[in-house]
Amino acid sequence: MTVIPCARDDRLRAIIESFAETLRTEAHLLGEHGLEEKDFYNSGVLRGAVEKLRGEYVGTTRAKREFTRHILNFLEDGRLIAGWDPSKGGARHDFQVRLNSGRLAVIVLKGCLDGNNTNIFERPTDADEFVIWSLCLSPGADPRHNAWSGIHTRLSAEMILKHQRVDGLIVWDMVCGTIGRPCPKLERLHTDLSERTTPVGPFKTPPPCVYVFPSSIPYAAQPLARAQPLEAVEFLAALHAGFAGWPEEVNYVDFEIAAAGEELHRRTTIRRGGQVVSASDMTPIRRV
């Protein structure tokens, strides 16, 4: 078992690399630029086009927000949440969700979790629940590397150093369950796929990957902080119930600290289905 069920599709990655090489060497044959081969590559047209496309894919949050809005609307229509609102300009979070209990959940959208942007968050003082949602739209990304990098390398260090609680993590987007990122939850034997996928707007999505974090930050007197029950984080419980999640698919994350000379070390342990699926050694806490 691993930190997250899905894995990088090496076959797809090989196709991407092969296509990239073809584009690099035969791009001059595309379009109607009117340039000879040597002039084409000296002109910077290819580099400029690639950078433009990269900026369009990486820089926009429209697709991520569209997916998230569809999910929140679905939960509201199903009375699993009371309502939601986009956060106001200038806020360091993206959505506020009014829960059926009257509590407030605040959601921050992030990318693939392997970059420094993962470390940038601030829990609002009025948040009863604070959840990070990873939407990684790159089909060539490595989900296992990204999930572990986000949870252990980045989030655990930031939470402990800043003493700022994150109640949970969602790893889930519109690529999940597509040919670009096959979902193991849809590949189990004797499973009716119609019971495991949910049509939401233009998407047909498998259950989300949910990670429940502790309700406190570990400190010297209590060095081990164990994950909360799923029911204690109402938004995660609503999401899990609304999208056909199974109890054995929920991930529970524990953090433990220990002093080592002048350094502070921490261990991250992830449990799923009653088993430890990933655990670190005691590693130094350093900002990355």
Protein backbone atom coordinates (compact mmCIF):
# COMPACT_ATOMS: atom_id res chain seq x y z
CA MET A 1 0.00 0.00 0.00
CA THR A 2 1.16 3.54 -0.73
CA VAL A 3 0.51 7.13 0.30
CA ILE A 4 -2.15 7.42 -2.41
CA PRO A 5 -3.77 4.62 -4.46
CA CYS A 6 -3.07 6.07 -7.91
CA ALA A 7 0.36 6.07 -9.55
CA ARG A 8 2.08 7.82 -12.39
CA ASP A 9 1.19 6.24 -15.72
CA ASP A 10 4.62 5.43 -17.15
CA ARG A 11 3.14 4.56 -20.53
CA LEU A 12 1.49 7.95 -20.78
CA ARG A 13 4.68 9.64 -19.61
CA ALA A 14 6.62 7.83 -22.36
CA ILE A 15 4.08 9.07 -24.93
CA ILE A 16 4.45 12.63 -23.61
CA GLU A 17 8.25 12.46 -23.78
CA SER A 18 8.16 11.00 -27.29
CA PHE A 19 5.75 13.66 -28.48
CA ALA A 20 7.87 16.38 -26.88
CA GLU A 21 10.91 15.14 -28.78
CA THR A 22 8.95 15.05 -32.03
CA LEU A 23 7.75 18.58 -31.39
CA ARG A 24 11.29 19.73 -30.65
CA THR A 25 12.71 18.34 -33.89
CA GLU A 26 9.77 18.67 -36.30
CA ALA A 27 7.94 21.79 -35.14
CA HIS A 28 9.12 23.64 -38.24
CA LEU A 29 6.78 21.46 -40.31
CA LEU A 30 3.72 22.74 -38.44
CA GLY A 31 1.71 25.84 -39.26
CA GLU A 32 2.19 28.43 -41.98
CA HIS A 33 5.02 30.53 -40.59
CA GLY A 34 6.86 30.78 -43.91
CA LEU A 35 10.30 30.25 -42.33
CA GLU A 36 13.04 27.88 -43.43
CA GLU A 37 13.98 25.20 -40.88
CA LYS A 38 17.14 26.99 -39.66
CA ASP A 39 15.41 30.35 -39.45
CA PHE A 40 12.45 28.83 -37.62
CA TYR A 41 14.58 27.45 -34.78
CA ASN A 42 16.69 30.61 -34.61
CA SER A 43 13.60 32.81 -34.43
CA GLY A 44 12.42 31.69 -31.01
CA VAL A 45 8.95 30.87 -32.34
CA LEU A 46 8.92 27.37 -30.80
CA ARG A 47 10.15 28.52 -27.41
CA GLY A 48 7.70 31.41 -27.38
CA ALA A 49 4.78 29.15 -28.30
CA VAL A 50 5.71 26.58 -25.63
CA GLU A 51 6.04 29.27 -22.95
CA LYS A 52 2.71 30.77 -23.98
CA LEU A 53 0.96 27.42 -23.69
CA ARG A 54 2.67 26.65 -20.40
CA GLY A 55 1.54 29.95 -18.99
CA GLU A 56 -2.03 29.28 -20.08
CA TYR A 57 -2.06 25.84 -18.45
CA VAL A 58 -0.23 26.74 -15.25
CA GLY A 59 -1.34 30.31 -14.67
CA THR A 60 -5.08 29.94 -14.92
CA THR A 61 -7.19 28.80 -11.98
CA ARG A 62 -10.43 28.90 -13.94
CA ALA A 63 -10.60 25.15 -14.59
CA LYS A 64 -9.82 24.30 -10.97
CA ARG A 65 -12.43 26.72 -9.66
CA GLU A 66 -15.02 25.43 -12.13
CA PHE A 67 -14.53 21.87 -10.91
CA THR A 68 -14.67 22.96 -7.26
CA ARG A 69 -17.84 24.99 -7.82
CA HIS A 70 -19.56 21.99 -9.42
CA ILE A 71 -18.60 19.84 -6.43
CA LEU A 72 -19.84 22.38 -3.89
CA ASN A 73 -23.10 22.87 -5.80
CA PHE A 74 -23.61 19.10 -5.83
CA LEU A 75 -23.09 18.93 -2.06
CA GLU A 76 -25.46 21.84 -1.49
CA ASP A 77 -28.14 20.38 -3.77
CA GLY A 78 -27.87 17.09 -1.86
CA ARG A 79 -28.21 18.95 1.46
CA LEU A 80 -24.82 17.67 2.56
CA ILE A 81 -23.74 21.27 3.19
CA ALA A 82 -25.86 24.33 3.91
CA GLY A 83 -24.20 26.56 1.32
CA TRP A 84 -20.97 28.08 0.12
CA ASP A 85 -19.41 31.32 -1.08
CA PRO A 86 -16.23 32.24 -2.93
CA SER A 87 -13.80 34.10 -0.73
CA LYS A 88 -13.49 37.83 -1.15
CA GLY A 89 -10.56 39.38 -3.01
CA GLY A 90 -7.34 39.56 -1.03
CA ALA A 91 -8.11 36.49 1.07
CA ARG A 92 -5.53 33.71 1.21
CA HIS A 93 -8.24 31.11 0.78
CA ASP A 94 -10.70 30.32 -2.00
CA PHE A 95 -14.05 29.17 -0.61
CA GLN A 96 -16.08 29.34 2.57
CA VAL A 97 -18.52 26.49 3.19
CA ARG A 98 -21.43 26.74 5.60
CA LEU A 99 -21.92 23.32 7.15
CA ASN A 100 -25.21 21.83 8.28
CA SER A 101 -24.14 22.06 11.92
CA GLY A 102 -23.59 25.80 11.59
CA ARG A 103 -19.82 25.43 11.50
CA LEU A 104 -17.68 27.17 8.88
CA ALA A 105 -15.18 25.33 6.68
CA VAL A 106 -12.56 27.31 4.78
CA ILE A 107 -10.95 25.79 1.68
CA VAL A 108 -7.64 26.66 0.01
CA LEU A 109 -6.98 25.38 -3.51
CA LYS A 110 -3.45 24.23 -4.33
CA GLY A 111 -1.74 22.55 -7.28
CA CYS A 112 0.33 19.37 -7.28
CA LEU A 113 1.71 19.91 -3.72
CA ASP A 114 5.36 19.53 -4.75
CA GLY A 115 6.06 23.27 -4.97
CA ASN A 116 6.66 26.08 -2.50
CA ASN A 117 3.14 27.39 -3.04
CA THR A 118 1.93 24.53 -0.84
CA ASN A 119 3.55 26.26 2.15
CA ILE A 120 1.61 29.49 1.65
CA PHE A 121 -1.55 29.37 3.72
CA GLU A 122 -3.09 31.08 6.71
CA ARG A 123 -5.92 29.68 8.77
CA PRO A 124 -8.62 32.33 9.27
CA THR A 125 -9.56 32.98 12.88
CA ASP A 126 -13.24 32.26 12.19
CA ALA A 127 -12.63 28.89 10.52
CA ASP A 128 -14.01 25.90 12.41
CA GLU A 129 -12.42 23.67 9.77
CA PHE A 130 -9.50 24.46 7.48
CA VAL A 131 -8.98 22.19 4.47
CA ILE A 132 -6.42 22.20 1.65
CA TRP A 133 -7.57 20.87 -1.73
CA SER A 134 -4.96 19.71 -4.25
CA LEU A 135 -5.95 19.89 -7.92
CA CYS A 136 -3.06 18.67 -10.07
CA LEU A 137 -4.00 18.87 -13.74
CA SER A 138 -0.75 17.55 -15.18
CA PRO A 139 -1.33 14.01 -16.52
CA GLY A 140 2.43 13.38 -16.41
CA ALA A 141 2.73 14.20 -12.70
CA ASP A 142 3.63 11.57 -10.10
CA PRO A 143 0.71 11.45 -7.60
CA ARG A 144 2.63 9.46 -4.98
CA HIS A 145 5.63 11.78 -5.00
CA ASN A 146 3.40 14.85 -4.89
CA ALA A 147 1.16 13.59 -2.07
CA TRP A 148 4.08 12.64 0.16
CA SER A 149 5.97 15.83 -0.68
CA GLY A 150 2.90 17.87 0.21
CA ILE A 151 1.95 16.09 3.42
CA HIS A 152 5.33 15.30 4.98
CA THR A 153 7.92 17.60 3.45
CA ARG A 154 5.82 20.76 3.26
CA LEU A 155 2.58 20.78 5.24
CA SER A 156 3.81 19.01 8.37
CA ALA A 157 6.83 21.30 8.66
CA GLU A 158 4.81 24.44 8.09
CA MET A 159 2.05 23.41 10.50
CA ILE A 160 4.50 22.60 13.30
CA LEU A 161 6.76 25.62 12.84
CA LYS A 162 3.87 28.10 12.53
CA HIS A 163 1.66 26.21 15.00
CA GLN A 164 -1.14 26.49 12.46
CA ARG A 165 -3.63 23.64 12.20
CA VAL A 166 -4.83 22.14 8.94
CA ASP A 167 -7.75 19.75 9.51
CA GLY A 168 -7.46 17.81 6.31
CA LEU A 169 -6.36 17.45 2.72
CA ILE A 170 -8.28 16.53 -0.43
CA VAL A 171 -6.41 15.21 -3.48
CA TRP A 172 -8.94 15.17 -6.33
CA ASP A 173 -9.64 16.91 -9.62
CA MET A 174 -11.25 16.52 -13.03
CA VAL A 175 -8.35 14.43 -14.38
CA CYS A 176 -9.02 11.68 -11.81
CA GLY A 177 -10.59 8.63 -13.40
CA THR A 178 -9.74 9.68 -16.96
CA ILE A 179 -7.34 8.03 -19.41
CA GLY A 180 -4.73 10.50 -18.21
CA ARG A 181 -5.00 9.33 -14.60
CA PRO A 182 -6.76 5.98 -14.17
CA CYS A 183 -8.27 5.56 -10.70
CA PRO A 184 -7.61 2.26 -8.86
CA LYS A 185 -10.90 2.74 -7.00
CA LEU A 186 -12.65 2.07 -10.31
CA GLU A 187 -10.58 -1.01 -11.11
CA ARG A 188 -11.51 -3.26 -8.21
CA LEU A 189 -13.05 -6.60 -9.11
CA HIS A 190 -16.80 -7.11 -8.73
CA THR A 191 -17.47 -3.38 -8.53
CA ASP A 192 -20.28 -1.68 -10.38
CA LEU A 193 -18.56 1.42 -11.78
CA SER A 194 -21.87 3.29 -11.86
CA GLU A 195 -21.86 3.08 -8.06
CA ARG A 196 -18.34 4.44 -7.83
CA THR A 197 -18.58 7.40 -10.22
CA THR A 198 -20.73 10.47 -9.82
CA PRO A 199 -21.85 12.76 -12.68
CA VAL A 200 -21.26 16.37 -11.62
CA GLY A 201 -21.84 18.99 -14.31
CA PRO A 202 -19.61 18.04 -17.27
CA PHE A 203 -17.53 15.69 -15.11
CA LYS A 204 -17.90 12.06 -14.08
CA THR A 205 -15.73 11.65 -11.04
CA PRO A 206 -14.53 8.79 -8.82
CA PRO A 207 -14.48 9.15 -5.01
CA PRO A 208 -11.97 11.69 -3.66
CA CYS A 209 -8.78 10.86 -1.77
CA VAL A 210 -9.32 12.28 1.72
CA TYR A 211 -6.64 12.79 4.39
CA VAL A 212 -7.72 13.61 7.95
CA PHE A 213 -5.15 15.48 10.05
CA PRO A 214 -4.91 15.87 13.86
CA SER A 215 -7.01 18.41 15.77
CA SER A 216 -3.89 19.74 17.50
CA ILE A 217 -0.24 20.46 16.73
CA PRO A 218 2.30 18.22 18.50
CA TYR A 219 4.46 19.92 21.14
CA ALA A 220 7.01 18.89 23.76
CA ALA A 221 4.51 17.79 26.42
CA GLN A 222 2.37 15.91 23.85
CA PRO A 223 4.75 14.95 21.03
CA LEU A 224 2.29 12.66 19.21
CA ALA A 225 -0.78 14.13 17.52
CA ARG A 226 -3.06 11.48 16.04
CA ALA A 227 -5.58 12.08 13.27
CA GLN A 228 -9.12 13.11 14.12
CA PRO A 229 -12.04 10.81 13.27
CA LEU A 230 -13.51 11.55 9.86
CA GLU A 231 -16.76 12.71 11.46
CA ALA A 232 -14.91 15.43 13.35
CA VAL A 233 -14.12 17.23 10.08
CA GLU A 234 -17.64 17.78 8.82
CA PHE A 235 -16.73 18.97 5.33
CA LEU A 236 -14.53 15.94 4.64
CA ALA A 237 -17.24 13.63 5.96
CA ALA A 238 -19.83 15.27 3.69
CA LEU A 239 -17.54 14.99 0.67
CA HIS A 240 -16.74 11.36 1.43
CA ALA A 241 -20.42 10.46 1.85
CA GLY A 242 -21.58 12.42 -1.19
CA PHE A 243 -19.14 10.80 -3.59
CA ALA A 244 -19.42 7.11 -2.75
CA GLY A 245 -16.32 6.85 -0.58
CA TRP A 246 -15.67 3.64 1.33
CA PRO A 247 -14.51 3.70 5.00
CA GLU A 248 -11.32 1.79 4.19
CA GLU A 249 -10.33 4.47 1.64
CA VAL A 250 -10.04 7.32 4.17
CA ASN A 251 -6.47 8.28 5.10
CA TYR A 252 -5.55 9.23 8.66
CA VAL A 253 -2.37 11.26 9.19
CA ASP A 254 -0.41 11.35 12.47
CA PHE A 255 2.43 13.73 13.32
CA GLU A 256 5.07 13.14 16.00
CA ILE A 257 7.95 15.39 17.04
CA ALA A 258 11.21 14.87 18.92
CA ALA A 259 14.10 17.14 19.84
CA ALA A 260 17.55 16.23 18.50
CA GLY A 261 20.07 18.65 19.91
CA GLU A 262 19.06 22.09 18.68
CA GLU A 263 16.94 20.64 15.87
CA LEU A 264 13.31 19.63 15.94
CA HIS A 265 12.46 16.43 14.08
CA ARG A 266 9.10 15.03 13.06
CA ARG A 267 7.64 11.74 11.86
CA THR A 268 4.63 11.53 9.54
CA THR A 269 2.51 8.36 9.50
CA ILE A 270 -0.41 7.71 7.15
CA ARG A 271 -2.92 4.98 7.95
CA ARG A 272 -5.60 3.61 5.63
CA GLY A 273 -7.89 0.65 6.16
CA GLY A 274 -6.34 0.01 9.57
CA GLN A 275 -2.82 -0.33 8.15
CA VAL A 276 0.17 1.97 7.99
CA VAL A 277 0.60 2.77 4.29
CA SER A 278 3.45 5.25 4.60
CA ALA A 279 5.69 6.43 7.42
CA SER A 280 8.79 8.59 7.55
CA ASP A 281 11.78 8.39 9.84
CA MET A 282 12.30 11.21 12.31
CA THR A 283 13.48 13.92 9.92
CA PRO A 284 14.64 17.48 10.65
CA ILE A 285 12.08 20.23 10.18
CA ARG A 286 13.39 22.68 7.64
CA ARG A 287 11.49 25.19 5.54
CA VAL A 288 11.66 24.27 1.85
